[in-house]
Amino acid sequence: MKRAYFDANAVIYYIEQNPTFLPVMVKRMFGLSGEELVYCVTSDLVRMETRVHPLRHGQIQLLNQFDEFFTANQQHIVLFDRAVFDLATQLRAIHELKTPDALHLAAALEAGCDEFWTNDDRLAKAALGRIEVINIKELQ
């Protein structure tokens, strides 16, 4: 089974059941026969990013859905230690990534993830040869 780091976009599409992206995500996650092919790895940075919009707009039910997701997947949350920050610094310097993007990619790499799920095209270049980037908008 593959370990897939979900960035904030991926988690948002999943929780909000985005009609464009959810069907292709589920197909890739579970395959045609319904067996789990990948499991989601994430971080507290993703948790923070996903909670901003519901908090800002008073969407308590949506906020609760995100909180339930992260509570249920707590064992799959990557902790940001010094190695993550050091790698993020390198990625940011070399590839001119924004700090959060560099942290996401570094966390996925340090956690030994097989895939990085995102809709951010800039991350694909930085990840080249290090981890498979699953660009959600390109899934079929």
N, C-alpha and C. Protein backbone atom coordinates (compact mmCIF):
# COMPACT_ATOMS: atom_id res chain seq x y z
N MET A 1 0.84 -1.17 0.00
CA MET A 1 0.00 0.00 0.00
C MET A 1 0.89 1.24 0.00
N LYS A 2 0.54 2.21 -0.82
CA LYS A 2 1.34 3.43 -0.93
C LYS A 2 0.95 4.44 0.14
N ARG A 3 1.96 5.17 0.59
CA ARG A 3 1.75 6.29 1.53
C ARG A 3 1.67 7.56 0.69
N ALA A 4 0.55 8.28 0.81
CA ALA A 4 0.34 9.48 0.01
C ALA A 4 0.16 10.69 0.93
N TYR A 5 1.05 11.66 0.79
CA TYR A 5 0.92 12.91 1.55
C TYR A 5 -0.11 13.78 0.84
N PHE A 6 -1.16 14.14 1.56
CA PHE A 6 -2.20 15.01 1.02
C PHE A 6 -1.94 16.44 1.48
N ASP A 7 -1.76 17.36 0.53
CA ASP A 7 -1.65 18.75 0.92
C ASP A 7 -3.05 19.29 1.21
N ALA A 8 -3.14 20.57 1.55
CA ALA A 8 -4.43 21.14 1.95
C ALA A 8 -5.48 21.02 0.86
N ASN A 9 -5.10 21.25 -0.40
CA ASN A 9 -6.07 21.14 -1.49
C ASN A 9 -6.69 19.75 -1.53
N ALA A 10 -5.87 18.73 -1.42
CA ALA A 10 -6.37 17.36 -1.48
C ALA A 10 -7.33 17.06 -0.34
N VAL A 11 -7.00 17.48 0.86
CA VAL A 11 -7.88 17.25 2.01
C VAL A 11 -9.19 18.02 1.84
N ILE A 12 -9.10 19.25 1.37
CA ILE A 12 -10.32 20.06 1.16
C ILE A 12 -11.22 19.39 0.14
N TYR A 13 -10.67 18.95 -0.99
CA TYR A 13 -11.49 18.28 -2.00
C TYR A 13 -12.16 17.04 -1.43
N TYR A 14 -11.43 16.30 -0.62
CA TYR A 14 -11.95 15.06 -0.04
C TYR A 14 -13.07 15.36 0.96
N ILE A 15 -12.83 16.25 1.90
CA ILE A 15 -13.81 16.54 2.95
C ILE A 15 -15.04 17.23 2.39
N GLU A 16 -14.83 18.19 1.49
CA GLU A 16 -15.96 18.93 0.92
C GLU A 16 -16.64 18.16 -0.21
N GLN A 17 -16.13 16.97 -0.51
CA GLN A 17 -16.67 16.11 -1.55
C GLN A 17 -16.82 16.85 -2.87
N ASN A 18 -15.72 17.45 -3.30
CA ASN A 18 -15.70 18.21 -4.54
C ASN A 18 -16.16 17.33 -5.70
N PRO A 19 -17.22 17.72 -6.41
CA PRO A 19 -17.77 16.85 -7.46
C PRO A 19 -16.83 16.63 -8.64
N THR A 20 -15.90 17.53 -8.85
CA THR A 20 -14.94 17.37 -9.95
C THR A 20 -13.81 16.43 -9.56
N PHE A 21 -13.29 16.59 -8.35
CA PHE A 21 -12.08 15.87 -7.97
C PHE A 21 -12.31 14.62 -7.12
N LEU A 22 -13.35 14.60 -6.30
CA LEU A 22 -13.54 13.46 -5.40
C LEU A 22 -13.65 12.12 -6.13
N PRO A 23 -14.44 12.00 -7.20
CA PRO A 23 -14.55 10.69 -7.86
C PRO A 23 -13.21 10.14 -8.35
N VAL A 24 -12.36 10.99 -8.92
CA VAL A 24 -11.07 10.49 -9.42
C VAL A 24 -10.11 10.21 -8.28
N MET A 25 -10.24 10.96 -7.19
CA MET A 25 -9.40 10.69 -6.02
C MET A 25 -9.76 9.34 -5.41
N VAL A 26 -11.05 9.10 -5.24
CA VAL A 26 -11.52 7.84 -4.65
C VAL A 26 -11.12 6.66 -5.53
N LYS A 27 -11.23 6.83 -6.83
CA LYS A 27 -10.84 5.76 -7.76
C LYS A 27 -9.36 5.42 -7.59
N ARG A 28 -8.53 6.43 -7.44
CA ARG A 28 -7.09 6.20 -7.27
C ARG A 28 -6.78 5.64 -5.89
N MET A 29 -7.55 6.07 -4.87
CA MET A 29 -7.30 5.62 -3.50
C MET A 29 -7.74 4.19 -3.26
N PHE A 30 -8.83 3.79 -3.90
CA PHE A 30 -9.42 2.49 -3.58
C PHE A 30 -9.47 1.51 -4.74
N GLY A 31 -9.18 1.92 -5.94
CA GLY A 31 -9.20 1.00 -7.06
C GLY A 31 -10.61 0.57 -7.42
N LEU A 32 -10.72 -0.22 -8.44
CA LEU A 32 -12.02 -0.64 -8.94
C LEU A 32 -12.72 -1.63 -8.02
N SER A 33 -11.97 -2.44 -7.31
CA SER A 33 -12.59 -3.45 -6.45
C SER A 33 -12.82 -2.96 -5.03
N GLY A 34 -12.43 -1.72 -4.74
CA GLY A 34 -12.70 -1.15 -3.42
C GLY A 34 -11.62 -1.38 -2.38
N GLU A 35 -10.53 -2.08 -2.74
CA GLU A 35 -9.46 -2.29 -1.77
C GLU A 35 -8.64 -1.00 -1.65
N GLU A 36 -8.17 -0.74 -0.45
CA GLU A 36 -7.41 0.49 -0.21
C GLU A 36 -6.03 0.36 -0.85
N LEU A 37 -5.70 1.27 -1.76
CA LEU A 37 -4.43 1.26 -2.46
C LEU A 37 -3.43 2.25 -1.87
N VAL A 38 -3.95 3.32 -1.30
CA VAL A 38 -3.10 4.33 -0.66
C VAL A 38 -3.75 4.75 0.64
N TYR A 39 -2.93 5.20 1.57
CA TYR A 39 -3.52 5.83 2.74
C TYR A 39 -2.91 7.21 2.91
N CYS A 40 -3.71 8.05 3.47
CA CYS A 40 -3.41 9.47 3.56
C CYS A 40 -2.47 9.78 4.71
N VAL A 41 -1.40 10.49 4.39
CA VAL A 41 -0.48 11.04 5.38
C VAL A 41 -0.62 12.55 5.27
N THR A 42 -0.61 13.24 6.38
CA THR A 42 -0.78 14.69 6.35
C THR A 42 0.00 15.31 7.51
N SER A 43 -0.24 16.58 7.78
CA SER A 43 0.52 17.27 8.83
C SER A 43 -0.37 18.29 9.53
N ASP A 44 0.14 18.81 10.62
CA ASP A 44 -0.59 19.87 11.32
C ASP A 44 -0.62 21.16 10.52
N LEU A 45 0.32 21.34 9.60
CA LEU A 45 0.27 22.49 8.70
C LEU A 45 -0.95 22.38 7.79
N VAL A 46 -1.22 21.19 7.28
CA VAL A 46 -2.42 20.98 6.47
C VAL A 46 -3.66 21.23 7.32
N ARG A 47 -3.64 20.74 8.54
CA ARG A 47 -4.77 20.97 9.45
C ARG A 47 -5.03 22.46 9.62
N MET A 48 -3.97 23.21 9.86
CA MET A 48 -4.11 24.66 10.02
C MET A 48 -4.69 25.30 8.76
N GLU A 49 -4.14 24.95 7.60
CA GLU A 49 -4.58 25.56 6.34
C GLU A 49 -6.04 25.24 6.03
N THR A 50 -6.48 24.04 6.34
CA THR A 50 -7.86 23.66 6.02
C THR A 50 -8.88 24.30 6.97
N ARG A 51 -8.45 24.70 8.14
CA ARG A 51 -9.37 25.25 9.13
C ARG A 51 -9.61 26.76 8.97
N VAL A 52 -8.77 27.45 8.21
CA VAL A 52 -8.87 28.91 8.09
C VAL A 52 -10.20 29.34 7.49
N HIS A 53 -10.55 28.81 6.34
CA HIS A 53 -11.78 29.23 5.66
C HIS A 53 -13.04 28.99 6.51
N PRO A 54 -13.21 27.79 7.05
CA PRO A 54 -14.41 27.58 7.88
C PRO A 54 -14.47 28.51 9.10
N LEU A 55 -13.32 28.76 9.72
CA LEU A 55 -13.30 29.68 10.86
C LEU A 55 -13.63 31.10 10.44
N ARG A 56 -13.05 31.54 9.35
CA ARG A 56 -13.26 32.90 8.86
C ARG A 56 -14.73 33.15 8.49
N HIS A 57 -15.39 32.11 8.00
CA HIS A 57 -16.76 32.27 7.50
C HIS A 57 -17.82 31.66 8.42
N GLY A 58 -17.41 31.28 9.62
CA GLY A 58 -18.36 30.76 10.59
C GLY A 58 -19.01 29.45 10.19
N GLN A 59 -18.31 28.64 9.42
CA GLN A 59 -18.84 27.35 8.95
C GLN A 59 -18.45 26.26 9.95
N ILE A 60 -19.16 26.23 11.04
CA ILE A 60 -18.83 25.33 12.16
C ILE A 60 -18.95 23.87 11.76
N GLN A 61 -19.97 23.51 11.00
CA GLN A 61 -20.13 22.12 10.59
C GLN A 61 -18.94 21.66 9.73
N LEU A 62 -18.51 22.51 8.81
CA LEU A 62 -17.36 22.17 7.97
C LEU A 62 -16.09 22.08 8.82
N LEU A 63 -15.93 23.02 9.74
CA LEU A 63 -14.79 22.99 10.65
C LEU A 63 -14.76 21.68 11.43
N ASN A 64 -15.91 21.25 11.91
CA ASN A 64 -16.01 19.98 12.64
C ASN A 64 -15.64 18.79 11.76
N GLN A 65 -16.02 18.84 10.49
CA GLN A 65 -15.67 17.76 9.57
C GLN A 65 -14.15 17.66 9.40
N PHE A 66 -13.49 18.80 9.26
CA PHE A 66 -12.04 18.79 9.16
C PHE A 66 -11.42 18.26 10.45
N ASP A 67 -11.91 18.73 11.58
CA ASP A 67 -11.37 18.29 12.87
C ASP A 67 -11.55 16.78 13.06
N GLU A 68 -12.70 16.25 12.66
CA GLU A 68 -12.94 14.81 12.76
C GLU A 68 -11.98 14.04 11.86
N PHE A 69 -11.74 14.54 10.67
CA PHE A 69 -10.80 13.89 9.75
C PHE A 69 -9.41 13.81 10.37
N PHE A 70 -8.93 14.92 10.92
CA PHE A 70 -7.58 14.92 11.48
C PHE A 70 -7.49 14.11 12.76
N THR A 71 -8.54 14.08 13.54
CA THR A 71 -8.56 13.25 14.75
C THR A 71 -8.51 11.77 14.37
N ALA A 72 -9.29 11.38 13.37
CA ALA A 72 -9.33 9.99 12.93
C ALA A 72 -8.02 9.54 12.30
N ASN A 73 -7.28 10.48 11.71
CA ASN A 73 -6.03 10.15 11.01
C ASN A 73 -4.79 10.60 11.77
N GLN A 74 -4.93 10.76 13.07
CA GLN A 74 -3.85 11.29 13.88
C GLN A 74 -2.56 10.48 13.78
N GLN A 75 -2.66 9.17 13.62
CA GLN A 75 -1.47 8.34 13.54
C GLN A 75 -0.73 8.54 12.23
N HIS A 76 -1.36 9.20 11.26
CA HIS A 76 -0.73 9.44 9.96
C HIS A 76 -0.31 10.90 9.79
N ILE A 77 -0.11 11.61 10.89
CA ILE A 77 0.31 13.00 10.84
C ILE A 77 1.83 13.07 11.01
N VAL A 78 2.49 13.71 10.04
CA VAL A 78 3.94 13.88 10.08
C VAL A 78 4.27 15.03 11.03
N LEU A 79 5.19 14.78 11.94
CA LEU A 79 5.65 15.83 12.84
C LEU A 79 6.81 16.57 12.19
N PHE A 80 6.84 17.86 12.37
CA PHE A 80 7.90 18.67 11.77
C PHE A 80 9.07 18.77 12.74
N ASP A 81 10.09 17.96 12.50
CA ASP A 81 11.29 18.03 13.32
C ASP A 81 12.36 18.83 12.57
N ARG A 82 13.55 18.87 13.13
CA ARG A 82 14.63 19.66 12.53
C ARG A 82 14.96 19.18 11.11
N ALA A 83 14.91 17.87 10.87
CA ALA A 83 15.21 17.34 9.54
C ALA A 83 14.22 17.87 8.50
N VAL A 84 12.95 17.98 8.88
CA VAL A 84 11.94 18.52 7.96
C VAL A 84 12.25 19.98 7.65
N PHE A 85 12.57 20.75 8.69
CA PHE A 85 12.87 22.17 8.47
C PHE A 85 14.15 22.36 7.65
N ASP A 86 15.16 21.53 7.89
CA ASP A 86 16.41 21.64 7.12
C ASP A 86 16.17 21.32 5.64
N LEU A 87 15.43 20.25 5.37
CA LEU A 87 15.13 19.91 3.98
C LEU A 87 14.25 20.99 3.35
N ALA A 88 13.28 21.49 4.09
CA ALA A 88 12.42 22.56 3.57
C ALA A 88 13.24 23.80 3.21
N THR A 89 14.24 24.10 4.02
CA THR A 89 15.11 25.24 3.74
C THR A 89 15.84 25.04 2.41
N GLN A 90 16.36 23.83 2.20
CA GLN A 90 17.04 23.53 0.94
C GLN A 90 16.09 23.65 -0.25
N LEU A 91 14.89 23.05 -0.11
CA LEU A 91 13.91 23.09 -1.20
C LEU A 91 13.50 24.52 -1.52
N ARG A 92 13.33 25.31 -0.47
CA ARG A 92 12.93 26.71 -0.66
C ARG A 92 14.04 27.50 -1.36
N ALA A 93 15.28 27.28 -0.95
CA ALA A 93 16.41 28.01 -1.54
C ALA A 93 16.64 27.62 -3.00
N ILE A 94 16.60 26.34 -3.28
CA ILE A 94 16.92 25.84 -4.62
C ILE A 94 15.77 26.08 -5.60
N HIS A 95 14.53 25.83 -5.15
CA HIS A 95 13.38 25.86 -6.06
C HIS A 95 12.49 27.08 -5.88
N GLU A 96 12.88 27.98 -4.98
CA GLU A 96 12.13 29.22 -4.74
C GLU A 96 10.67 28.95 -4.36
N LEU A 97 10.47 27.91 -3.56
CA LEU A 97 9.13 27.59 -3.08
C LEU A 97 8.75 28.52 -1.94
N LYS A 98 7.46 28.69 -1.74
CA LYS A 98 6.99 29.39 -0.55
C LYS A 98 7.24 28.47 0.64
N THR A 99 7.39 29.06 1.81
CA THR A 99 7.71 28.28 3.00
C THR A 99 6.72 27.15 3.25
N PRO A 100 5.40 27.39 3.22
CA PRO A 100 4.48 26.27 3.47
C PRO A 100 4.64 25.13 2.46
N ASP A 101 4.83 25.48 1.18
CA ASP A 101 5.00 24.45 0.16
C ASP A 101 6.27 23.64 0.39
N ALA A 102 7.34 24.33 0.75
CA ALA A 102 8.60 23.63 1.05
C ALA A 102 8.43 22.71 2.25
N LEU A 103 7.70 23.16 3.26
CA LEU A 103 7.46 22.32 4.44
C LEU A 103 6.62 21.10 4.09
N HIS A 104 5.59 21.28 3.28
CA HIS A 104 4.77 20.13 2.87
C HIS A 104 5.62 19.08 2.15
N LEU A 105 6.38 19.52 1.17
CA LEU A 105 7.18 18.58 0.39
C LEU A 105 8.25 17.92 1.26
N ALA A 106 8.90 18.69 2.10
CA ALA A 106 9.92 18.13 3.00
C ALA A 106 9.31 17.11 3.95
N ALA A 107 8.13 17.41 4.48
CA ALA A 107 7.46 16.47 5.39
C ALA A 107 7.16 15.16 4.68
N ALA A 108 6.66 15.25 3.46
CA ALA A 108 6.35 14.04 2.70
C ALA A 108 7.61 13.22 2.44
N LEU A 109 8.69 13.88 2.08
CA LEU A 109 9.94 13.18 1.81
C LEU A 109 10.52 12.55 3.07
N GLU A 110 10.54 13.30 4.15
CA GLU A 110 11.09 12.79 5.42
C GLU A 110 10.26 11.63 5.97
N ALA A 111 8.95 11.64 5.68
CA ALA A 111 8.07 10.57 6.16
C ALA A 111 8.13 9.33 5.28
N GLY A 112 8.89 9.41 4.19
CA GLY A 112 9.01 8.26 3.30
C GLY A 112 7.78 8.00 2.46
N CYS A 113 7.03 9.05 2.17
CA CYS A 113 5.82 8.89 1.35
C CYS A 113 6.19 8.52 -0.08
N ASP A 114 5.31 7.76 -0.70
CA ASP A 114 5.49 7.36 -2.10
C ASP A 114 4.93 8.40 -3.06
N GLU A 115 3.89 9.10 -2.61
CA GLU A 115 3.20 10.06 -3.47
C GLU A 115 2.93 11.35 -2.71
N PHE A 116 2.79 12.43 -3.48
CA PHE A 116 2.45 13.75 -2.94
C PHE A 116 1.26 14.25 -3.75
N TRP A 117 0.08 14.35 -3.11
CA TRP A 117 -1.15 14.74 -3.79
C TRP A 117 -1.37 16.24 -3.63
N THR A 118 -1.54 16.92 -4.75
CA THR A 118 -1.69 18.37 -4.74
C THR A 118 -2.35 18.83 -6.04
N ASN A 119 -2.64 20.09 -6.13
CA ASN A 119 -3.02 20.73 -7.39
C ASN A 119 -2.06 21.88 -7.68
N ASP A 120 -0.92 21.88 -7.03
CA ASP A 120 0.06 22.95 -7.15
C ASP A 120 1.15 22.53 -8.14
N ASP A 121 1.13 23.14 -9.32
CA ASP A 121 2.08 22.77 -10.38
C ASP A 121 3.53 23.05 -10.01
N ARG A 122 3.79 24.06 -9.18
CA ARG A 122 5.16 24.43 -8.83
C ARG A 122 5.87 23.32 -8.05
N LEU A 123 5.10 22.55 -7.30
CA LEU A 123 5.72 21.50 -6.49
C LEU A 123 6.24 20.33 -7.32
N ALA A 124 5.65 20.11 -8.47
CA ALA A 124 6.07 18.99 -9.31
C ALA A 124 7.54 19.13 -9.71
N LYS A 125 7.96 20.33 -10.06
CA LYS A 125 9.35 20.55 -10.46
C LYS A 125 10.30 20.29 -9.29
N ALA A 126 9.96 20.79 -8.13
CA ALA A 126 10.82 20.62 -6.95
C ALA A 126 10.89 19.16 -6.51
N ALA A 127 9.83 18.41 -6.77
CA ALA A 127 9.76 17.01 -6.34
C ALA A 127 10.36 16.04 -7.34
N LEU A 128 10.68 16.52 -8.53
CA LEU A 128 11.15 15.66 -9.61
C LEU A 128 12.26 14.73 -9.16
N GLY A 129 12.02 13.44 -9.33
CA GLY A 129 13.01 12.42 -8.99
C GLY A 129 13.05 12.05 -7.52
N ARG A 130 12.29 12.73 -6.69
CA ARG A 130 12.29 12.46 -5.25
C ARG A 130 11.05 11.72 -4.79
N ILE A 131 9.89 12.08 -5.38
CA ILE A 131 8.61 11.53 -4.97
C ILE A 131 7.65 11.71 -6.15
N GLU A 132 6.72 10.80 -6.31
CA GLU A 132 5.73 10.93 -7.38
C GLU A 132 4.69 11.97 -6.98
N VAL A 133 4.53 12.98 -7.82
CA VAL A 133 3.52 14.00 -7.56
C VAL A 133 2.24 13.62 -8.30
N ILE A 134 1.16 13.53 -7.55
CA ILE A 134 -0.15 13.26 -8.13
C ILE A 134 -0.87 14.60 -8.22
N ASN A 135 -0.93 15.13 -9.44
CA ASN A 135 -1.64 16.38 -9.67
C ASN A 135 -3.12 16.03 -9.83
N ILE A 136 -3.91 16.38 -8.86
CA ILE A 136 -5.30 15.93 -8.79
C ILE A 136 -6.09 16.34 -10.02
N LYS A 137 -5.82 17.52 -10.55
CA LYS A 137 -6.58 17.97 -11.72
C LYS A 137 -6.24 17.17 -12.97
N GLU A 138 -5.17 16.38 -12.92
CA GLU A 138 -4.79 15.56 -14.06
C GLU A 138 -5.21 14.10 -13.91
N LEU A 139 -5.79 13.74 -12.76
CA LEU A 139 -6.26 12.36 -12.57
C LEU A 139 -7.45 12.09 -13.48
N GLN A 140 -7.54 10.86 -13.94
CA GLN A 140 -8.67 10.48 -14.79
C GLN A 140 -9.29 9.22 -14.29
